[in-house]
N, C-alpha and C. Protein backbone atom coordinates (compact mmCIF):
# COMPACT_ATOMS: atom_id res chain seq x y z
N MET A 1 67.09 -75.34 -122.68
CA MET A 1 67.02 -74.46 -124.24
C MET A 1 67.61 -73.22 -123.81
N SER A 2 68.74 -72.81 -124.51
CA SER A 2 69.70 -71.73 -124.39
C SER A 2 69.18 -70.85 -125.13
N ALA A 3 69.49 -69.32 -124.84
CA ALA A 3 69.02 -68.15 -125.60
C ALA A 3 70.34 -67.41 -125.60
N GLN A 4 71.08 -66.61 -126.77
CA GLN A 4 71.88 -65.99 -127.01
C GLN A 4 71.37 -64.60 -127.93
N PRO A 5 70.96 -63.45 -127.26
CA PRO A 5 70.60 -62.57 -127.91
C PRO A 5 71.55 -62.04 -129.05
N ARG A 6 70.94 -61.89 -130.39
CA ARG A 6 71.42 -61.53 -131.60
C ARG A 6 70.81 -60.24 -132.27
N ALA A 7 71.44 -59.21 -132.52
CA ALA A 7 70.87 -57.92 -133.04
C ALA A 7 70.32 -58.19 -134.27
N ARG A 8 69.12 -57.88 -134.52
CA ARG A 8 68.40 -58.11 -135.91
C ARG A 8 67.53 -56.79 -135.93
N GLY A 9 68.02 -55.81 -136.39
CA GLY A 9 67.41 -54.35 -136.47
C GLY A 9 67.43 -53.72 -135.55
N ARG A 10 66.00 -53.36 -134.89
CA ARG A 10 66.07 -52.83 -133.65
C ARG A 10 65.69 -53.86 -132.31
N LEU A 11 65.25 -55.12 -133.09
CA LEU A 11 64.70 -55.96 -131.95
C LEU A 11 65.98 -57.19 -132.01
N GLN A 12 65.81 -57.15 -130.31
CA GLN A 12 66.97 -58.31 -130.17
C GLN A 12 66.41 -59.67 -129.99
N VAL A 13 66.93 -60.46 -130.99
CA VAL A 13 66.35 -62.03 -131.23
C VAL A 13 67.01 -62.70 -130.51
N PRO A 14 66.03 -63.96 -129.80
CA PRO A 14 67.47 -64.77 -129.09
C PRO A 14 67.75 -65.78 -130.08
N ARG A 15 68.96 -66.27 -130.10
CA ARG A 15 69.44 -67.35 -130.89
C ARG A 15 69.16 -68.77 -130.39
N LEU A 16 68.35 -69.49 -130.63
CA LEU A 16 67.41 -70.40 -129.98
C LEU A 16 68.36 -71.77 -130.19
N LYS A 17 68.48 -72.51 -129.47
CA LYS A 17 68.60 -74.11 -129.68
C LYS A 17 68.00 -74.77 -129.27
N ALA A 18 67.28 -76.02 -129.14
CA ALA A 18 66.92 -76.82 -128.54
C ALA A 18 67.43 -78.01 -127.84
N ALA A 19 67.62 -77.85 -126.56
CA ALA A 19 68.55 -78.96 -125.87
C ALA A 19 67.68 -80.41 -126.05
N ALA A 20 66.35 -80.35 -126.00
CA ALA A 20 65.87 -81.44 -125.73
C ALA A 20 65.77 -82.18 -127.27
N LEU A 21 66.22 -81.40 -128.22
CA LEU A 21 65.98 -82.34 -129.44
C LEU A 21 67.59 -82.55 -129.92
N VAL A 22 67.31 -83.93 -130.61
CA VAL A 22 68.79 -84.40 -130.98
C VAL A 22 68.66 -84.18 -132.48
N ARG A 23 69.45 -83.43 -133.04
CA ARG A 23 69.52 -83.15 -134.18
C ARG A 23 70.59 -82.96 -135.09
N ARG A 24 70.78 -83.08 -136.18
CA ARG A 24 72.23 -82.57 -136.75
C ARG A 24 71.95 -80.71 -136.68
N PRO A 25 72.91 -80.11 -136.42
CA PRO A 25 72.65 -78.37 -136.62
C PRO A 25 71.86 -78.34 -138.11
N GLU A 26 71.81 -78.55 -139.18
CA GLU A 26 71.38 -77.97 -140.31
C GLU A 26 70.02 -78.32 -140.12
N HIS A 27 69.43 -79.25 -139.14
CA HIS A 27 68.01 -79.06 -138.69
C HIS A 27 67.41 -78.71 -137.62
N THR A 28 68.13 -77.84 -136.99
CA THR A 28 68.00 -76.99 -135.56
C THR A 28 67.05 -75.99 -136.18
N PRO A 29 65.89 -75.58 -135.84
CA PRO A 29 64.96 -74.71 -136.09
C PRO A 29 65.55 -73.39 -136.02
N ARG A 30 65.33 -72.41 -136.80
CA ARG A 30 65.71 -71.26 -136.63
C ARG A 30 64.58 -69.85 -136.80
N ILE A 31 64.59 -69.18 -135.85
CA ILE A 31 63.57 -68.20 -135.70
C ILE A 31 63.80 -66.73 -136.60
N GLU A 32 63.35 -66.13 -137.22
CA GLU A 32 63.38 -65.31 -138.01
C GLU A 32 62.16 -64.18 -137.86
N PRO A 33 62.76 -62.91 -137.33
CA PRO A 33 61.47 -61.87 -137.34
C PRO A 33 61.21 -61.12 -138.63
N PRO A 34 60.38 -61.39 -139.82
CA PRO A 34 60.67 -60.56 -140.91
C PRO A 34 60.30 -59.21 -140.68
N SER A 35 60.96 -58.44 -141.62
CA SER A 35 60.84 -56.69 -141.30
C SER A 35 59.68 -56.23 -142.16
N ALA A 36 59.28 -56.99 -143.39
CA ALA A 36 58.36 -56.72 -144.10
C ALA A 36 57.30 -57.83 -144.24
N PRO A 37 56.32 -57.59 -144.79
CA PRO A 37 55.25 -59.09 -144.92
C PRO A 37 56.10 -59.93 -146.03
N HIS A 38 55.89 -61.17 -145.84
CA HIS A 38 56.91 -62.08 -146.37
C HIS A 38 55.91 -63.49 -146.70
N PRO A 39 56.44 -63.58 -147.96
CA PRO A 39 55.61 -64.87 -148.27
C PRO A 39 55.35 -66.02 -147.63
N ASP A 40 56.38 -66.43 -146.89
CA ASP A 40 56.37 -67.78 -146.36
C ASP A 40 55.42 -67.24 -144.87
N GLY A 41 55.10 -66.18 -144.56
CA GLY A 41 54.53 -65.82 -143.30
C GLY A 41 52.94 -65.38 -143.90
N LEU A 42 53.09 -65.48 -145.34
CA LEU A 42 51.43 -65.17 -145.52
C LEU A 42 50.79 -66.86 -145.65
N ALA A 43 51.75 -67.30 -146.19
CA ALA A 43 51.37 -68.93 -146.44
C ALA A 43 50.96 -69.76 -144.94
N LEU A 44 51.70 -69.40 -143.94
CA LEU A 44 51.57 -70.06 -142.54
C LEU A 44 50.44 -69.08 -141.84
N ARG A 45 50.30 -67.72 -141.93
CA ARG A 45 49.12 -67.17 -141.73
C ARG A 45 47.85 -68.06 -142.47
N ARG A 46 47.86 -67.84 -143.67
CA ARG A 46 46.58 -68.38 -144.21
C ARG A 46 46.43 -69.92 -143.68
N ALA A 47 47.33 -70.98 -143.49
CA ALA A 47 46.88 -71.96 -142.77
C ALA A 47 46.12 -72.03 -141.48
N LEU A 48 46.72 -70.89 -140.63
CA LEU A 48 46.14 -70.80 -139.35
C LEU A 48 44.82 -70.13 -139.22
N TRP A 49 44.26 -69.33 -140.18
CA TRP A 49 43.53 -68.35 -140.27
C TRP A 49 43.02 -68.57 -141.44
N SER A 50 42.48 -69.65 -141.98
CA SER A 50 41.99 -70.17 -143.35
C SER A 50 40.76 -69.38 -143.40
N GLY A 51 39.86 -68.81 -142.57
CA GLY A 51 38.77 -68.02 -143.04
C GLY A 51 38.86 -66.79 -143.16
N CYS A 52 40.27 -66.13 -142.96
CA CYS A 52 40.52 -64.98 -143.47
C CYS A 52 41.22 -64.66 -144.68
N PRO A 53 40.24 -63.54 -145.45
CA PRO A 53 40.81 -63.48 -146.96
C PRO A 53 42.72 -62.96 -147.01
N GLN A 54 42.75 -63.37 -148.00
CA GLN A 54 44.35 -63.05 -148.41
C GLN A 54 44.52 -61.55 -148.23
N GLU A 55 43.40 -60.60 -148.60
CA GLU A 55 43.76 -59.20 -148.64
C GLU A 55 43.96 -58.64 -147.23
N GLU A 56 43.03 -59.26 -146.56
CA GLU A 56 43.23 -58.90 -145.02
C GLU A 56 44.39 -59.24 -144.35
N GLN A 57 44.72 -60.65 -144.71
CA GLN A 57 46.09 -60.92 -144.11
C GLN A 57 47.15 -59.93 -144.65
N LEU A 58 47.44 -59.79 -145.78
CA LEU A 58 48.16 -58.67 -146.18
C LEU A 58 48.15 -57.54 -145.48
N ALA A 59 46.96 -57.11 -145.19
CA ALA A 59 47.32 -55.62 -144.54
C ALA A 59 47.75 -55.84 -143.05
N GLN A 60 47.28 -56.96 -142.41
CA GLN A 60 47.64 -57.42 -141.10
C GLN A 60 48.90 -57.39 -141.26
N MET A 61 49.70 -58.01 -141.87
CA MET A 61 50.95 -58.27 -142.31
C MET A 61 51.70 -56.85 -142.06
N ALA A 62 51.35 -56.01 -142.75
CA ALA A 62 51.95 -54.82 -143.40
C ALA A 62 51.91 -53.58 -141.99
N ALA A 63 50.70 -53.99 -141.02
CA ALA A 63 50.79 -53.31 -139.94
C ALA A 63 51.67 -53.83 -138.75
N PHE A 64 51.87 -54.85 -139.01
CA PHE A 64 52.71 -55.57 -137.89
C PHE A 64 54.01 -54.99 -138.29
N ALA A 65 54.39 -55.31 -139.53
CA ALA A 65 55.74 -54.84 -140.03
C ALA A 65 55.77 -53.18 -139.78
N ALA A 66 54.68 -52.49 -139.80
CA ALA A 66 54.77 -50.70 -139.79
C ALA A 66 55.28 -50.71 -138.10
N GLU A 67 54.75 -51.13 -137.56
CA GLU A 67 54.65 -50.76 -135.86
C GLU A 67 55.54 -51.70 -135.10
N PRO A 68 56.80 -51.99 -135.14
CA PRO A 68 57.29 -52.97 -134.40
C PRO A 68 57.59 -53.10 -133.07
N ALA A 69 57.33 -51.72 -132.54
CA ALA A 69 57.11 -51.57 -131.08
C ALA A 69 56.12 -52.15 -130.62
N ARG A 70 54.87 -52.40 -131.46
CA ARG A 70 53.41 -52.90 -130.85
C ARG A 70 52.97 -54.31 -131.35
N TYR A 71 53.72 -54.63 -132.31
CA TYR A 71 53.47 -55.79 -133.00
C TYR A 71 54.98 -56.85 -133.33
N ALA A 72 54.59 -58.12 -133.13
CA ALA A 72 56.00 -58.99 -133.19
C ALA A 72 55.42 -60.00 -134.15
N HIS A 73 55.77 -60.55 -135.13
CA HIS A 73 55.82 -62.00 -136.12
C HIS A 73 56.97 -62.54 -136.56
N PHE A 74 57.12 -63.86 -135.92
CA PHE A 74 58.22 -64.58 -136.08
C PHE A 74 57.90 -65.83 -136.79
N ILE A 75 58.87 -66.07 -137.71
CA ILE A 75 58.54 -67.59 -138.58
C ILE A 75 59.76 -68.40 -138.36
N ALA A 76 59.27 -69.81 -138.25
CA ALA A 76 60.34 -70.50 -137.67
C ALA A 76 60.59 -71.35 -139.26
N TYR A 77 61.80 -71.55 -139.07
CA TYR A 77 62.23 -72.57 -140.55
C TYR A 77 63.12 -73.60 -140.18
N GLU A 78 62.99 -75.06 -140.32
CA GLU A 78 63.53 -75.83 -140.27
C GLU A 78 64.06 -76.67 -141.52
N ALA A 79 65.65 -76.86 -141.48
CA ALA A 79 66.25 -76.76 -142.83
C ALA A 79 65.62 -76.34 -144.07
N GLY A 80 65.77 -75.14 -144.01
CA GLY A 80 65.00 -73.84 -144.69
C GLY A 80 63.70 -73.91 -145.24
N THR A 81 62.84 -74.67 -144.79
CA THR A 81 61.37 -75.07 -145.00
C THR A 81 60.85 -74.03 -144.07
N PRO A 82 59.74 -73.04 -144.25
CA PRO A 82 58.71 -72.67 -143.43
C PRO A 82 58.14 -73.51 -142.22
N ALA A 83 58.39 -73.58 -140.97
CA ALA A 83 57.65 -74.50 -140.26
C ALA A 83 56.69 -74.14 -139.27
N GLY A 84 56.71 -72.86 -139.17
CA GLY A 84 55.41 -72.15 -138.24
C GLY A 84 55.83 -70.43 -137.98
N LEU A 85 54.86 -70.23 -137.20
CA LEU A 85 54.80 -68.72 -136.94
C LEU A 85 54.14 -68.39 -135.86
N ALA A 86 54.51 -67.12 -135.20
CA ALA A 86 53.81 -66.62 -134.25
C ALA A 86 53.68 -65.10 -134.09
N ALA A 87 52.33 -64.95 -134.03
CA ALA A 87 52.31 -63.29 -134.16
C ALA A 87 51.76 -62.86 -132.48
N ALA A 88 52.39 -61.75 -132.12
CA ALA A 88 52.08 -61.25 -131.26
C ALA A 88 51.78 -59.75 -130.92
N ALA A 89 50.85 -59.22 -130.00
CA ALA A 89 50.86 -57.75 -129.87
C ALA A 89 50.90 -57.04 -128.44
N LEU A 90 51.90 -56.16 -128.14
CA LEU A 90 51.81 -55.47 -127.20
C LEU A 90 50.32 -54.62 -126.85
N ARG A 91 49.63 -54.86 -125.45
CA ARG A 91 48.70 -54.61 -125.44
C ARG A 91 48.60 -53.56 -124.11
N GLN A 92 48.11 -52.40 -124.48
CA GLN A 92 48.16 -51.49 -123.31
C GLN A 92 47.22 -51.52 -122.27
N ASP A 93 45.73 -51.99 -123.26
CA ASP A 93 44.38 -52.17 -122.42
C ASP A 93 44.34 -53.38 -121.45
N TYR A 94 43.28 -53.51 -120.75
CA TYR A 94 43.00 -54.61 -119.84
C TYR A 94 43.26 -55.85 -120.98
N VAL A 95 43.84 -57.10 -120.42
CA VAL A 95 43.91 -58.23 -121.12
C VAL A 95 43.48 -59.28 -120.04
N ASN A 96 42.17 -60.16 -120.39
CA ASN A 96 41.36 -61.03 -119.57
C ASN A 96 42.68 -61.93 -119.08
N GLY A 97 42.73 -62.07 -117.80
CA GLY A 97 43.60 -62.86 -117.02
C GLY A 97 44.82 -62.40 -116.63
N ALA A 98 44.82 -61.39 -117.40
CA ALA A 98 46.50 -60.55 -116.90
C ALA A 98 46.55 -59.81 -115.52
N ALA A 99 48.23 -59.84 -114.87
CA ALA A 99 47.60 -58.88 -113.27
C ALA A 99 48.49 -58.00 -113.58
N SER A 100 48.63 -57.57 -115.06
CA SER A 100 49.62 -56.50 -115.12
C SER A 100 49.62 -55.57 -116.49
N SER A 101 49.85 -54.62 -116.72
CA SER A 101 49.75 -54.17 -118.16
C SER A 101 51.17 -53.49 -118.31
N PRO A 102 51.42 -53.12 -119.45
CA PRO A 102 51.13 -53.78 -120.76
C PRO A 102 51.43 -55.08 -120.53
N ALA A 103 50.85 -55.92 -121.39
CA ALA A 103 51.02 -57.44 -121.40
C ALA A 103 51.05 -57.69 -122.98
N VAL A 104 52.12 -58.73 -123.23
CA VAL A 104 51.89 -58.91 -124.82
C VAL A 104 50.99 -60.31 -124.94
N PHE A 105 49.87 -59.91 -125.70
CA PHE A 105 49.28 -61.22 -126.29
C PHE A 105 49.97 -61.95 -127.47
N LEU A 106 49.47 -63.21 -127.16
CA LEU A 106 50.39 -64.04 -128.63
C LEU A 106 49.07 -64.39 -129.21
N GLU A 107 48.62 -63.55 -130.30
CA GLU A 107 47.44 -63.49 -131.10
C GLU A 107 47.55 -64.74 -132.01
N GLY A 108 48.59 -65.30 -132.11
CA GLY A 108 48.57 -66.79 -133.06
C GLY A 108 49.68 -67.44 -132.91
N LEU A 109 49.98 -68.89 -133.06
CA LEU A 109 50.72 -69.92 -133.08
C LEU A 109 50.25 -70.97 -133.82
N TYR A 110 51.23 -71.27 -134.86
CA TYR A 110 50.99 -72.09 -135.35
C TYR A 110 52.15 -72.74 -135.96
N VAL A 111 52.29 -74.34 -136.04
CA VAL A 111 53.20 -75.01 -136.58
C VAL A 111 52.57 -76.18 -137.87
N VAL A 112 53.34 -76.25 -138.78
CA VAL A 112 52.90 -77.31 -139.69
C VAL A 112 52.54 -78.45 -139.64
N PRO A 113 51.45 -79.03 -139.59
CA PRO A 113 51.30 -80.14 -139.13
C PRO A 113 52.11 -81.42 -139.05
N ARG A 114 52.83 -81.51 -140.31
CA ARG A 114 54.40 -82.52 -140.29
C ARG A 114 54.98 -82.53 -139.44
N LEU A 115 55.36 -81.34 -139.00
CA LEU A 115 56.83 -80.76 -138.21
C LEU A 115 56.37 -80.72 -136.71
N ARG A 116 54.91 -80.93 -136.25
CA ARG A 116 54.45 -80.78 -135.08
C ARG A 116 55.33 -81.93 -133.84
N ARG A 117 55.45 -81.33 -132.84
CA ARG A 117 56.02 -82.31 -131.59
C ARG A 117 57.70 -82.50 -132.09
N ARG A 118 57.81 -81.49 -132.15
CA ARG A 118 59.59 -81.25 -132.32
C ARG A 118 60.17 -80.06 -131.75
N GLY A 119 59.43 -79.51 -130.89
CA GLY A 119 59.26 -78.10 -130.02
C GLY A 119 59.63 -76.70 -130.89
N ILE A 120 59.07 -77.01 -132.04
CA ILE A 120 58.91 -75.61 -132.92
C ILE A 120 58.06 -74.65 -132.25
N ALA A 121 57.12 -75.03 -131.56
CA ALA A 121 55.99 -73.96 -130.99
C ALA A 121 56.76 -73.60 -130.04
N ARG A 122 57.60 -74.16 -128.86
CA ARG A 122 58.39 -73.86 -127.98
C ARG A 122 59.55 -72.36 -128.21
N LEU A 123 60.01 -72.91 -129.18
CA LEU A 123 61.06 -72.05 -129.66
C LEU A 123 60.56 -70.70 -130.44
N LEU A 124 58.93 -70.75 -130.78
CA LEU A 124 58.28 -69.61 -131.37
C LEU A 124 57.86 -68.48 -130.30
N VAL A 125 57.17 -69.50 -128.93
CA VAL A 125 56.70 -69.09 -128.05
C VAL A 125 58.13 -68.53 -127.12
N ALA A 126 59.57 -68.92 -127.43
CA ALA A 126 60.55 -68.11 -126.36
C ALA A 126 60.66 -66.88 -127.17
N ALA A 127 60.46 -66.69 -128.36
CA ALA A 127 60.84 -65.57 -129.57
C ALA A 127 60.05 -64.71 -128.75
N VAL A 128 58.57 -64.83 -128.51
CA VAL A 128 57.87 -63.84 -128.41
C VAL A 128 58.11 -63.55 -126.86
N ALA A 129 58.26 -64.14 -126.01
CA ALA A 129 58.72 -63.94 -124.77
C ALA A 129 59.83 -63.03 -124.69
N ALA A 130 61.09 -63.10 -125.44
CA ALA A 130 62.11 -62.55 -125.20
C ALA A 130 61.91 -60.99 -125.63
N TRP A 131 60.99 -61.23 -127.10
CA TRP A 131 60.22 -59.64 -127.42
C TRP A 131 59.52 -58.86 -126.57
N ALA A 132 58.43 -59.75 -125.63
CA ALA A 132 57.78 -59.17 -124.51
C ALA A 132 58.58 -58.67 -122.87
N ARG A 133 59.62 -59.28 -122.85
CA ARG A 133 60.56 -58.93 -121.76
C ARG A 133 61.51 -57.58 -122.36
N GLU A 134 61.75 -57.55 -123.53
CA GLU A 134 62.57 -56.53 -124.46
C GLU A 134 61.48 -55.04 -124.18
N SER A 135 60.12 -55.62 -124.41
CA SER A 135 59.20 -54.55 -124.34
C SER A 135 58.36 -53.79 -122.89
N GLY A 136 59.40 -54.45 -121.95
CA GLY A 136 58.81 -54.03 -120.76
C GLY A 136 57.78 -55.02 -120.12
N CYS A 137 57.36 -56.02 -120.44
CA CYS A 137 56.46 -56.79 -120.15
C CYS A 137 56.93 -57.92 -119.11
N ARG A 138 55.69 -57.95 -118.18
CA ARG A 138 56.16 -59.20 -116.97
C ARG A 138 55.13 -60.60 -117.39
N GLU A 139 54.17 -60.17 -118.40
CA GLU A 139 53.21 -61.54 -118.80
C GLU A 139 52.86 -61.86 -120.07
N LEU A 140 53.07 -62.89 -120.54
CA LEU A 140 52.65 -63.14 -121.91
C LEU A 140 51.23 -63.84 -122.14
N THR A 141 50.52 -63.42 -122.51
CA THR A 141 48.82 -64.02 -122.55
C THR A 141 48.40 -64.48 -123.87
N SER A 142 47.37 -65.24 -123.71
CA SER A 142 46.62 -65.86 -125.12
C SER A 142 45.25 -66.45 -124.46
N ASP A 143 44.72 -66.91 -125.76
CA ASP A 143 43.35 -67.45 -125.42
C ASP A 143 43.01 -68.61 -126.38
N ALA A 144 42.26 -69.45 -126.11
CA ALA A 144 41.90 -70.37 -126.64
C ALA A 144 40.19 -70.34 -126.78
N LEU A 145 39.68 -70.99 -127.77
CA LEU A 145 38.28 -71.24 -127.89
C LEU A 145 38.02 -72.33 -126.88
N GLN A 146 36.84 -72.37 -126.15
CA GLN A 146 36.38 -72.97 -125.04
C GLN A 146 36.47 -74.50 -125.46
N GLY A 147 36.03 -74.95 -126.60
CA GLY A 147 36.07 -76.33 -127.19
C GLY A 147 37.45 -76.86 -127.62
N ASN A 148 38.69 -76.00 -127.86
CA ASN A 148 39.50 -76.43 -128.73
C ASN A 148 40.64 -76.79 -127.49
N ARG A 149 40.10 -78.32 -127.45
CA ARG A 149 41.02 -79.27 -126.20
C ARG A 149 42.62 -79.13 -126.53
N ALA A 150 42.76 -79.20 -128.16
CA ALA A 150 44.40 -79.51 -128.65
C ALA A 150 45.18 -78.09 -128.26
N SER A 151 44.54 -76.96 -128.31
CA SER A 151 44.82 -75.65 -127.88
C SER A 151 45.35 -75.59 -126.57
N HIS A 152 44.35 -76.17 -125.74
CA HIS A 152 44.38 -76.11 -124.11
C HIS A 152 45.71 -76.73 -123.82
N ALA A 153 45.65 -78.19 -124.34
CA ALA A 153 46.89 -78.60 -123.95
C ALA A 153 48.07 -77.99 -124.46
N SER A 154 48.53 -77.28 -125.47
CA SER A 154 49.39 -76.94 -125.89
C SER A 154 49.91 -75.79 -125.25
N HIS A 155 48.95 -74.80 -124.59
CA HIS A 155 49.14 -73.86 -124.05
C HIS A 155 49.44 -74.31 -122.27
N ARG A 156 49.16 -75.63 -122.04
CA ARG A 156 49.90 -75.82 -120.77
C ARG A 156 51.07 -76.57 -120.88
N ALA A 157 51.36 -77.11 -122.20
CA ALA A 157 52.75 -77.96 -122.67
C ALA A 157 53.85 -76.50 -122.39
N LEU A 158 53.13 -75.23 -122.90
CA LEU A 158 54.12 -74.31 -123.04
C LEU A 158 54.54 -73.06 -121.96
N GLY A 159 53.55 -73.78 -120.76
CA GLY A 159 54.01 -73.19 -119.38
C GLY A 159 52.86 -72.29 -119.25
N PHE A 160 51.78 -71.78 -120.08
CA PHE A 160 50.77 -71.28 -119.93
C PHE A 160 49.73 -71.77 -118.76
N GLU A 161 49.24 -71.09 -117.87
CA GLU A 161 48.18 -71.23 -116.81
C GLU A 161 46.66 -70.71 -117.11
N GLU A 162 45.82 -71.51 -116.96
CA GLU A 162 44.36 -71.18 -117.33
C GLU A 162 44.15 -69.80 -116.12
N THR A 163 43.22 -68.74 -116.69
CA THR A 163 42.99 -67.78 -115.65
C THR A 163 41.80 -67.52 -115.43
N GLU A 164 41.06 -67.52 -116.47
CA GLU A 164 39.48 -67.59 -116.44
C GLU A 164 38.68 -68.12 -117.43
N PRO A 165 37.77 -68.66 -117.75
CA PRO A 165 36.64 -69.09 -118.22
C PRO A 165 36.09 -67.86 -118.87
N VAL A 166 35.81 -67.44 -120.02
CA VAL A 166 35.10 -66.46 -120.52
C VAL A 166 34.49 -66.69 -121.71
N VAL A 167 33.04 -65.97 -121.69
CA VAL A 167 31.98 -66.35 -123.27
C VAL A 167 31.95 -65.00 -122.90
N PHE A 168 32.22 -64.57 -124.50
CA PHE A 168 31.65 -63.33 -124.96
C PHE A 168 30.47 -63.32 -125.71
N TYR A 169 29.84 -61.74 -125.55
CA TYR A 169 28.52 -62.11 -126.03
C TYR A 169 28.58 -60.47 -126.96
N ARG A 170 27.36 -60.34 -127.64
CA ARG A 170 26.87 -59.13 -128.71
C ARG A 170 25.56 -58.74 -128.70
N LYS A 171 25.57 -58.10 -129.32
CA LYS A 171 24.07 -57.45 -129.44
C LYS A 171 24.01 -56.28 -130.61
N ASP A 172 23.39 -56.65 -131.74
CA ASP A 172 22.92 -56.10 -132.64
C ASP A 172 22.31 -54.56 -131.88
N LEU A 173 22.99 -53.25 -132.39
CA LEU A 173 22.24 -52.27 -132.14
C LEU A 173 21.35 -51.71 -133.27
N PRO A 174 19.87 -51.41 -132.88
CA PRO A 174 18.96 -51.13 -134.05
C PRO A 174 19.30 -49.82 -134.72
């Protein structure tokens, strides 16, 4: 995969081409960082976080757009069709498994099921990694639920390494 930076507002977004994919140029996925909440982003977010109400999704998207130095949101398109999304946040606080701070945390990664296994997730993660490097980070971090074996396999395939298993607890306060 090769990357050539391309100016897009204040963020340098790599122009990505998947060398491993054999496709006609019009079918090479493209990655776009929306500068405002976008209907394609909402549809993809709703597919990923189906339990989150639309109003909350829109509020989160507006927060991402309002703080481009802290949040990044990338949409992948294939042949003009929304194919996937990656959402990331620059975290200054401690991130489980990170060896440095700040670190960029991959908040969400989604590819439309019928378009999976075509390198789209890899391109999205490459866009997030480029943003992380521009933000002065040395690490990209993420998490997955303990039983989500598909996510674990995807993370490994994308170059992530498992750092520590964690179980979160909570207690109501009277």
